[in-house]
């Protein structure tokens, strides 16, 4: 026997009226991936579940590989002033890049910023290595590895402290309602107005979500009528370390240098440059012949390919070039370099309620003679380390070679 209720009908999340996970359906709906190319890649990222609106993850790194002297030292000095004394620990070996001398750290003094060392260890006992030489202020010191003697003495642990990073999930909702008369209506082609408007709502959601996951700012506030509201950060607002403000012509050599030193320096070598038309035109001016191939973006039930350009970076990685029309229309001259292997689609799902994008049918009120559907989700994005990604801004053209000053 049916349960009697008053007021707006409530639906069990396991109801047959719900089409779960319609993200791929939205992306592939009209087979025009250009309208949401960032969302196309984002929709294929692995998912993670979060049990609250705030999504947190840790970023860790390895110990720095170098430091510098902060004062000069004679060839016989056994105390050396360094810039970052916490990078040193007893038992480690280091080399002075300028002189080639290798030394072992015997102790550190955080109060003075000095380290005590055994100098020229490869030259001891007629070893034939580089002898002790005077060090200049600002010499680069390169970290090697610990060395212990035959007693195999225990070493002090040295490590880094992870940094917590966070984003928010954002509740998304679209509603489409039609009267009984509207539902009955069909076009001359035979297509019903209901089907047409449903497709239009889904395609509009694709455009909106694509733009938001690119350009959204992260935020949280309390609305007087709706309560807690959270906004997820888009990928354009993620890179802070690797930002190339071109502000004019993008020269091939300058771009390669940026890739080698920043854009491809951290994280996976193969990345995607989600770009506006001005950036893509700059690449055509930099290279007469770019390689193109098709990336499979289909599903088990639908074949679909995305044509992308390929730029071979100076460190051996491949950069896929793909236009995003949201960027072309609103941020022309901008491109974002994304390591999608580090991006996750975070779903706020708990207690049997999914945050995946869903289409819920028949959400009209009990006394409504028409019909309504609701598209809803509660999701955000994680990106790993922001240094894995990069951004180009202000590109107006491209050229081979380097800028002539």
Protein backbone atom coordinates (compact mmCIF):
# COMPACT_ATOMS: atom_id res chain seq x y z
CA UNK A 1 0.00 0.00 0.00
CA UNK A 2 1.33 3.43 -0.93
CA UNK A 3 2.44 5.77 1.82
CA UNK A 4 0.21 8.82 2.22
CA UNK A 5 2.02 12.14 2.34
CA UNK A 6 1.25 15.84 2.10
CA UNK A 7 3.27 18.62 0.57
CA UNK A 8 5.95 18.24 -2.06
CA UNK A 9 6.74 14.64 -2.92
CA UNK A 10 10.13 13.37 -1.75
CA UNK A 11 12.07 10.83 -3.77
CA UNK A 12 14.22 7.95 -2.67
CA UNK A 13 17.65 8.29 -4.26
CA UNK A 14 17.32 4.65 -5.41
CA UNK A 15 14.14 5.44 -7.31
CA UNK A 16 13.81 4.23 -10.89
CA UNK A 17 13.02 7.84 -11.80
CA UNK A 18 16.69 8.77 -11.41
CA UNK A 19 19.22 8.45 -14.24
CA UNK A 20 22.52 8.25 -12.37
CA UNK A 21 25.78 9.69 -13.72
CA UNK A 22 24.64 11.63 -16.77
CA UNK A 23 27.95 13.52 -17.09
CA UNK A 24 29.02 11.55 -20.17
CA UNK A 25 25.54 11.87 -21.65
CA UNK A 26 25.74 15.65 -21.36
CA UNK A 27 29.25 15.83 -22.83
CA UNK A 28 28.40 13.64 -25.83
CA UNK A 29 24.80 14.76 -26.24
CA UNK A 30 25.10 16.53 -29.61
CA UNK A 31 28.52 15.04 -30.53
CA UNK A 32 30.02 18.56 -30.52
CA UNK A 33 32.85 18.31 -28.02
CA UNK A 34 34.20 21.78 -28.90
CA UNK A 35 31.49 23.41 -26.79
CA UNK A 36 33.01 22.01 -23.63
CA UNK A 37 36.49 20.67 -24.22
CA UNK A 38 37.73 21.17 -20.67
CA UNK A 39 34.62 19.41 -19.36
CA UNK A 40 35.27 16.60 -21.84
CA UNK A 41 38.65 15.86 -20.25
CA UNK A 42 37.39 16.58 -16.72
CA UNK A 43 34.52 14.13 -17.18
CA UNK A 44 37.03 11.34 -17.86
CA UNK A 45 39.09 11.98 -14.72
CA UNK A 46 38.97 9.45 -11.92
CA UNK A 47 36.46 10.18 -9.17
CA UNK A 48 36.88 10.41 -5.43
CA UNK A 49 34.19 10.55 -2.76
CA UNK A 50 34.12 13.20 -0.07
CA UNK A 51 31.89 13.05 3.00
CA UNK A 52 31.65 16.81 3.46
CA UNK A 53 31.58 19.94 1.34
CA UNK A 54 35.21 20.75 2.06
CA UNK A 55 37.58 18.53 0.08
CA UNK A 56 41.10 18.29 1.47
CA UNK A 57 44.28 16.63 0.28
CA UNK A 58 47.97 16.83 1.14
CA UNK A 59 50.80 18.12 -1.02
CA UNK A 60 54.26 16.87 -0.20
CA UNK A 61 57.63 17.29 -1.83
CA UNK A 62 61.20 16.05 -1.54
CA UNK A 63 64.00 17.79 0.26
CA UNK A 64 65.64 20.66 -1.69
CA UNK A 65 68.59 19.57 -3.81
CA UNK A 66 70.68 22.70 -3.31
CA UNK A 67 71.44 25.74 -1.19
CA UNK A 68 73.96 28.61 -1.24
CA UNK A 69 76.67 29.95 1.01
CA UNK A 70 75.76 33.19 2.76
CA UNK A 71 79.38 34.24 3.35
CA UNK A 72 82.80 33.37 2.01
CA UNK A 73 84.95 30.66 3.60
CA UNK A 74 88.68 30.04 3.41
CA UNK A 75 90.17 26.76 2.18
CA UNK A 76 90.92 25.72 5.77
CA UNK A 77 87.61 26.80 7.37
CA UNK A 78 85.55 23.99 8.93
CA UNK A 79 82.51 26.20 9.55
CA UNK A 80 80.45 27.41 6.61
CA UNK A 81 77.63 29.95 6.67
CA UNK A 82 74.66 28.81 4.56
CA UNK A 83 71.40 30.40 3.50
CA UNK A 84 69.03 27.65 4.72
CA UNK A 85 70.61 25.69 7.53
CA UNK A 86 67.55 23.40 7.90
CA UNK A 87 68.41 21.80 4.55
CA UNK A 88 71.56 20.30 6.05
CA UNK A 89 71.97 17.37 8.43
CA UNK A 90 74.94 15.51 9.87
CA UNK A 91 76.18 12.70 7.69
CA UNK A 92 75.16 14.21 4.34
CA UNK A 93 77.64 14.91 1.60
CA UNK A 94 77.45 18.06 -0.49
CA UNK A 95 79.53 19.55 -3.29
CA UNK A 96 80.36 23.14 -4.13
CA UNK A 97 79.22 23.53 -7.72
CA UNK A 98 81.68 26.38 -8.32
CA UNK A 99 84.82 24.67 -7.02
CA UNK A 100 83.98 20.97 -7.28
CA UNK A 101 84.99 20.33 -3.67
CA UNK A 102 82.96 17.66 -1.83
CA UNK A 103 82.43 17.89 1.92
CA UNK A 104 80.54 16.05 4.65
CA UNK A 105 78.31 17.81 7.16
CA UNK A 106 79.24 17.02 10.78
CA UNK A 107 76.75 19.27 12.55
CA UNK A 108 74.43 22.27 12.21
CA UNK A 109 73.78 25.39 14.27
CA UNK A 110 70.32 26.84 13.53
CA UNK A 111 71.00 29.83 15.78
CA UNK A 112 73.95 31.05 13.71
CA UNK A 113 73.02 29.52 10.35
CA UNK A 114 76.35 27.71 10.19
CA UNK A 115 77.27 24.11 9.42
CA UNK A 116 80.42 22.35 10.60
CA UNK A 117 82.02 20.19 7.92
CA UNK A 118 84.87 17.90 6.96
CA UNK A 119 86.37 19.50 3.86
CA UNK A 120 87.50 17.88 0.61
CA UNK A 121 86.60 14.33 1.68
CA UNK A 122 87.47 12.83 -1.71
CA UNK A 123 91.01 14.23 -1.41
CA UNK A 124 91.65 12.81 2.10
CA UNK A 125 94.25 10.02 2.48
CA UNK A 126 95.60 10.83 -0.97
CA UNK A 127 92.25 9.99 -2.51
CA UNK A 128 92.96 12.12 -5.55
CA UNK A 129 89.74 14.12 -5.39
CA UNK A 130 89.25 17.88 -5.49
CA UNK A 131 91.23 19.67 -2.80
CA UNK A 132 89.75 22.22 -0.41
CA UNK A 133 89.36 25.59 -2.08
CA UNK A 134 88.15 28.95 -0.84
CA UNK A 135 84.39 29.36 -1.19
CA UNK A 136 82.75 32.57 -2.26
CA UNK A 137 79.60 34.09 -0.86
CA UNK A 138 76.65 32.83 -2.92
CA UNK A 139 78.34 29.64 -4.10
CA UNK A 140 75.80 26.94 -5.03
CA UNK A 141 75.98 23.85 -2.80
CA UNK A 142 74.45 20.67 -4.25
CA UNK A 143 73.05 17.94 -2.01
CA UNK A 144 74.33 14.41 -2.69
CA UNK A 145 73.59 11.62 -0.18
CA UNK A 146 74.63 10.41 3.30
CA UNK A 147 77.85 8.51 3.87
CA UNK A 148 78.63 6.35 6.93
CA UNK A 149 81.72 4.52 8.05
CA UNK A 150 82.21 0.84 8.83
CA UNK A 151 80.35 1.17 12.15
CA UNK A 152 77.20 2.07 10.12
CA UNK A 153 76.13 4.78 12.55
CA UNK A 154 72.42 5.67 12.83
CA UNK A 155 71.47 8.86 10.94
CA UNK A 156 68.97 11.51 12.05
CA UNK A 157 65.71 11.43 10.11
CA UNK A 158 65.12 14.43 7.87
CA UNK A 159 61.88 14.87 5.97
CA UNK A 160 59.29 17.45 4.92
CA UNK A 161 55.88 18.34 6.39
CA UNK A 162 52.95 17.98 3.95
CA UNK A 163 50.82 21.01 3.16
CA UNK A 164 47.04 20.69 3.29
CA UNK A 165 45.15 22.02 0.26
CA UNK A 166 41.39 22.29 -0.05
CA UNK A 167 38.54 23.00 -2.42
CA UNK A 168 34.75 22.86 -2.08
CA UNK A 169 32.09 20.77 -3.73
CA UNK A 170 29.42 22.88 -5.41
CA UNK A 171 25.74 21.90 -5.43
CA UNK A 172 24.40 22.19 -8.99
CA UNK A 173 20.74 22.19 -9.97
CA UNK A 174 18.73 22.81 -13.15
CA UNK A 175 14.95 22.42 -13.31
CA UNK A 176 12.76 22.20 -16.40
CA UNK A 177 8.99 22.44 -16.04
CA UNK A 178 6.37 22.28 -18.77
CA UNK A 179 2.60 22.49 -18.73
CA UNK A 180 0.39 19.71 -20.03
CA UNK A 181 -0.28 21.70 -23.20
CA UNK A 182 3.43 22.29 -23.82
CA UNK A 183 4.11 18.58 -23.40
CA UNK A 184 1.52 17.76 -26.07
CA UNK A 185 3.13 20.13 -28.59
CA UNK A 186 5.39 18.85 -31.41
CA UNK A 187 7.34 20.58 -34.16
CA UNK A 188 6.80 20.02 -37.88
CA UNK A 189 9.80 17.68 -37.84
CA UNK A 190 7.93 15.43 -35.42
CA UNK A 191 10.19 16.19 -32.48
CA UNK A 192 8.30 17.01 -29.31
CA UNK A 193 8.85 20.28 -27.52
CA UNK A 194 9.59 18.31 -24.36
CA UNK A 195 12.51 16.50 -26.01
CA UNK A 196 13.79 19.72 -27.55
CA UNK A 197 13.72 21.64 -24.27
CA UNK A 198 15.28 18.75 -22.33
CA UNK A 199 18.17 18.58 -24.79
CA UNK A 200 18.55 22.36 -24.60
CA UNK A 201 18.71 22.28 -20.80
CA UNK A 202 21.36 19.56 -20.87
CA UNK A 203 23.47 21.42 -23.42
CA UNK A 204 23.17 24.67 -21.46
CA UNK A 205 24.31 22.81 -18.35
CA UNK A 206 27.32 21.56 -20.28
CA UNK A 207 28.32 25.08 -21.30
CA UNK A 208 27.79 26.44 -17.78
CA UNK A 209 29.67 23.65 -16.05
CA UNK A 210 32.55 23.88 -18.52
CA UNK A 211 32.90 27.60 -17.80
CA UNK A 212 32.60 27.18 -14.04
CA UNK A 213 35.19 24.40 -13.80
CA UNK A 214 37.51 26.71 -15.73
CA UNK A 215 36.90 30.14 -14.20
CA UNK A 216 35.11 29.71 -10.85
CA UNK A 217 36.60 31.23 -7.71
CA UNK A 218 36.47 29.15 -4.55
CA UNK A 219 34.12 30.52 -1.93
CA UNK A 220 31.78 29.80 0.96
CA UNK A 221 29.06 31.96 2.46
CA UNK A 222 25.75 31.72 4.29
CA UNK A 223 22.61 32.75 2.42
CA UNK A 224 19.69 33.99 4.55
CA UNK A 225 17.20 31.77 2.71
CA UNK A 226 19.27 28.91 1.31
CA UNK A 227 21.78 28.37 4.09
CA UNK A 228 25.35 27.21 3.46
CA UNK A 229 26.60 27.85 -0.10
CA UNK A 230 29.95 26.60 -1.43
CA UNK A 231 31.64 27.27 -4.77
CA UNK A 232 34.36 25.10 -6.28
CA UNK A 233 37.58 26.57 -7.66
CA UNK A 234 38.12 26.34 -11.42
CA UNK A 235 41.43 25.33 -12.96
CA UNK A 236 42.23 28.84 -14.27
CA UNK A 237 42.58 29.98 -10.66
CA UNK A 238 44.84 27.09 -9.63
CA UNK A 239 48.30 27.87 -11.12
CA UNK A 240 50.30 30.42 -9.15
CA UNK A 241 53.86 29.13 -9.60
CA UNK A 242 53.99 28.56 -13.36
CA UNK A 243 52.30 31.59 -14.93
CA UNK A 244 53.73 32.97 -18.18
CA UNK A 245 52.45 36.53 -18.72
CA UNK A 246 53.25 36.85 -22.43
CA UNK A 247 51.51 40.19 -23.02
CA UNK A 248 52.18 40.15 -26.77
CA UNK A 249 53.88 37.76 -29.15
CA UNK A 250 54.59 34.22 -27.98
CA UNK A 251 58.04 33.27 -29.27
CA UNK A 252 58.90 29.60 -29.74
CA UNK A 253 62.17 29.77 -27.80
CA UNK A 254 60.55 31.63 -24.90
CA UNK A 255 57.75 29.05 -24.75
CA UNK A 256 60.24 26.16 -24.81
CA UNK A 257 62.23 27.79 -22.01
CA UNK A 258 59.06 28.23 -19.97
CA UNK A 259 58.10 24.59 -20.51
CA UNK A 260 61.56 23.36 -19.53
CA UNK A 261 61.90 25.56 -16.46
CA UNK A 262 58.29 25.77 -15.25
CA UNK A 263 55.41 24.29 -17.27
CA UNK A 264 56.84 20.77 -17.62
CA UNK A 265 59.23 21.01 -14.69
CA UNK A 266 56.89 19.38 -12.19
CA UNK A 267 54.45 16.50 -12.42
CA UNK A 268 53.83 14.33 -15.48
CA UNK A 269 55.53 15.31 -18.73
CA UNK A 270 52.44 14.81 -20.92
CA UNK A 271 49.82 17.52 -20.39
CA UNK A 272 46.91 19.24 -22.13
CA UNK A 273 46.97 22.92 -23.11
CA UNK A 274 43.33 24.01 -23.02
CA UNK A 275 43.55 27.14 -25.13
CA UNK A 276 41.69 30.05 -26.66
CA UNK A 277 41.85 30.77 -30.39
CA UNK A 278 44.52 33.49 -30.09
CA UNK A 279 46.84 31.00 -28.39
CA UNK A 280 46.18 28.33 -31.03
CA UNK A 281 46.82 30.85 -33.80
CA UNK A 282 50.10 31.73 -32.09
CA UNK A 283 51.14 28.08 -32.26
CA UNK A 284 50.32 27.97 -35.97
CA UNK A 285 52.59 31.00 -36.44
CA UNK A 286 55.32 29.34 -34.39
CA UNK A 287 55.06 26.04 -36.30
CA UNK A 288 53.94 25.64 -39.89
CA UNK A 289 53.26 21.95 -39.42
CA UNK A 290 51.80 20.65 -36.17
CA UNK A 291 51.01 16.96 -35.81
CA UNK A 292 47.34 16.12 -35.24
CA UNK A 293 45.65 12.97 -34.06
CA UNK A 294 42.35 11.84 -32.60
CA UNK A 295 41.87 11.20 -28.89
CA UNK A 296 39.12 8.68 -28.12
CA UNK A 297 36.50 10.41 -25.98
CA UNK A 298 33.65 7.95 -26.52
CA UNK A 299 32.02 5.44 -24.23
CA UNK A 300 31.33 1.75 -24.43
CA UNK A 301 28.11 2.54 -26.30
CA UNK A 302 29.17 5.55 -28.37
CA UNK A 303 32.24 6.18 -30.50
CA UNK A 304 33.56 9.73 -30.35
CA UNK A 305 36.93 11.26 -31.13
CA UNK A 306 38.49 14.66 -30.39
CA UNK A 307 41.01 16.07 -32.84
CA UNK A 308 43.98 17.62 -31.06
CA UNK A 309 47.29 19.17 -32.02
CA UNK A 310 50.52 17.88 -30.54
CA UNK A 311 53.47 20.02 -29.45
CA UNK A 312 56.65 18.20 -28.50
CA UNK A 313 58.22 19.90 -25.52
CA UNK A 314 61.97 20.34 -25.01
CA UNK A 315 62.07 17.78 -22.19
CA UNK A 316 60.43 15.03 -24.26
CA UNK A 317 56.84 15.43 -23.13
CA UNK A 318 53.83 15.84 -25.38
CA UNK A 319 51.53 18.84 -25.02
CA UNK A 320 48.07 18.26 -26.50
CA UNK A 321 46.59 21.48 -27.92
CA UNK A 322 42.82 21.79 -27.75
CA UNK A 323 40.52 24.78 -28.12
CA UNK A 324 37.91 25.60 -25.51
CA UNK A 325 35.24 27.96 -26.81
CA UNK A 326 34.52 29.37 -23.36
CA UNK A 327 38.11 30.61 -23.24
CA UNK A 328 37.93 31.90 -26.82
CA UNK A 329 34.75 33.84 -26.09
CA UNK A 330 35.67 35.21 -22.68
CA UNK A 331 39.42 34.87 -22.05
CA UNK A 332 40.99 35.09 -25.51
CA UNK A 333 44.77 35.07 -25.31
CA UNK A 334 44.67 32.71 -22.31
CA UNK A 335 45.48 29.02 -22.04
CA UNK A 336 45.79 26.67 -19.07
CA UNK A 337 48.26 23.78 -19.04
CA UNK A 338 46.61 20.90 -17.18
CA UNK A 339 48.09 17.66 -15.86
CA UNK A 340 44.79 15.76 -16.04
CA UNK A 341 46.37 12.65 -14.52
CA UNK A 342 46.53 14.66 -11.26
CA UNK A 343 42.93 15.96 -11.47
CA UNK A 344 40.06 14.18 -9.72
CA UNK A 345 36.31 14.66 -9.94
CA UNK A 346 35.31 14.96 -6.28
CA UNK A 347 31.75 13.88 -5.47
CA UNK A 348 30.08 14.88 -2.19
CA UNK A 349 28.33 11.53 -1.58
CA UNK A 350 27.34 10.05 1.77
CA UNK A 351 24.57 8.11 3.53
CA UNK A 352 23.29 6.66 0.26
CA UNK A 353 22.95 10.06 -1.43
CA UNK A 354 25.15 10.48 -4.50
CA UNK A 355 26.78 13.72 -5.58
CA UNK A 356 27.17 12.45 -9.14
CA UNK A 357 25.37 14.42 -11.84
CA UNK A 358 21.89 12.91 -12.08
CA UNK A 359 18.69 13.47 -14.01
CA UNK A 360 15.66 13.06 -11.73
CA UNK A 361 12.36 12.66 -13.58
CA UNK A 362 8.84 13.64 -12.48
CA UNK A 363 9.82 16.16 -9.81
CA UNK A 364 6.63 18.21 -10.24
CA UNK A 365 4.32 18.81 -7.28
CA UNK A 366 1.50 16.38 -6.60
CA UNK A 367 -1.21 18.70 -7.95
CA UNK A 368 0.78 19.80 -11.03
CA UNK A 369 -0.84 18.60 -14.26
CA UNK A 370 2.40 19.24 -16.13
CA UNK A 371 5.79 17.63 -15.80
CA UNK A 372 9.19 18.55 -14.39
CA UNK A 373 12.71 17.11 -14.40
CA UNK A 374 15.69 18.09 -12.28
CA UNK A 375 19.37 17.90 -13.19
CA UNK A 376 21.45 17.97 -10.04
CA UNK A 377 24.86 17.14 -8.67
CA UNK A 378 27.22 18.04 -5.84
CA UNK A 379 30.81 17.98 -7.03
CA UNK A 380 34.12 19.74 -7.14
CA UNK A 381 37.67 19.26 -8.33
CA UNK A 382 41.04 18.35 -6.86
CA UNK A 383 44.21 19.10 -8.79
CA UNK A 384 47.08 17.66 -6.77
CA UNK A 385 50.00 20.10 -6.59
CA UNK A 386 49.30 23.44 -8.26
CA UNK A 387 52.87 23.38 -9.60
CA UNK A 388 51.85 20.49 -11.88
CA UNK A 389 49.79 22.99 -13.91
CA UNK A 390 50.52 26.26 -15.67
CA UNK A 391 48.92 29.23 -17.40
CA UNK A 392 49.61 31.51 -20.37
CA UNK A 393 48.07 34.99 -20.47
CA UNK A 394 48.07 37.93 -22.86
CA UNK A 395 48.97 36.04 -26.06
CA UNK A 396 48.25 38.12 -29.18
CA UNK A 397 50.40 36.33 -31.77
CA UNK A 398 53.23 33.89 -32.29
CA UNK A 399 56.64 33.77 -33.99
CA UNK A 400 59.54 31.40 -34.55
CA UNK A 401 62.86 31.89 -32.81
CA UNK A 402 63.36 34.34 -29.99
CA UNK A 403 62.53 37.96 -29.34
CA UNK A 404 65.18 40.41 -30.55
CA UNK A 405 65.86 42.94 -27.83
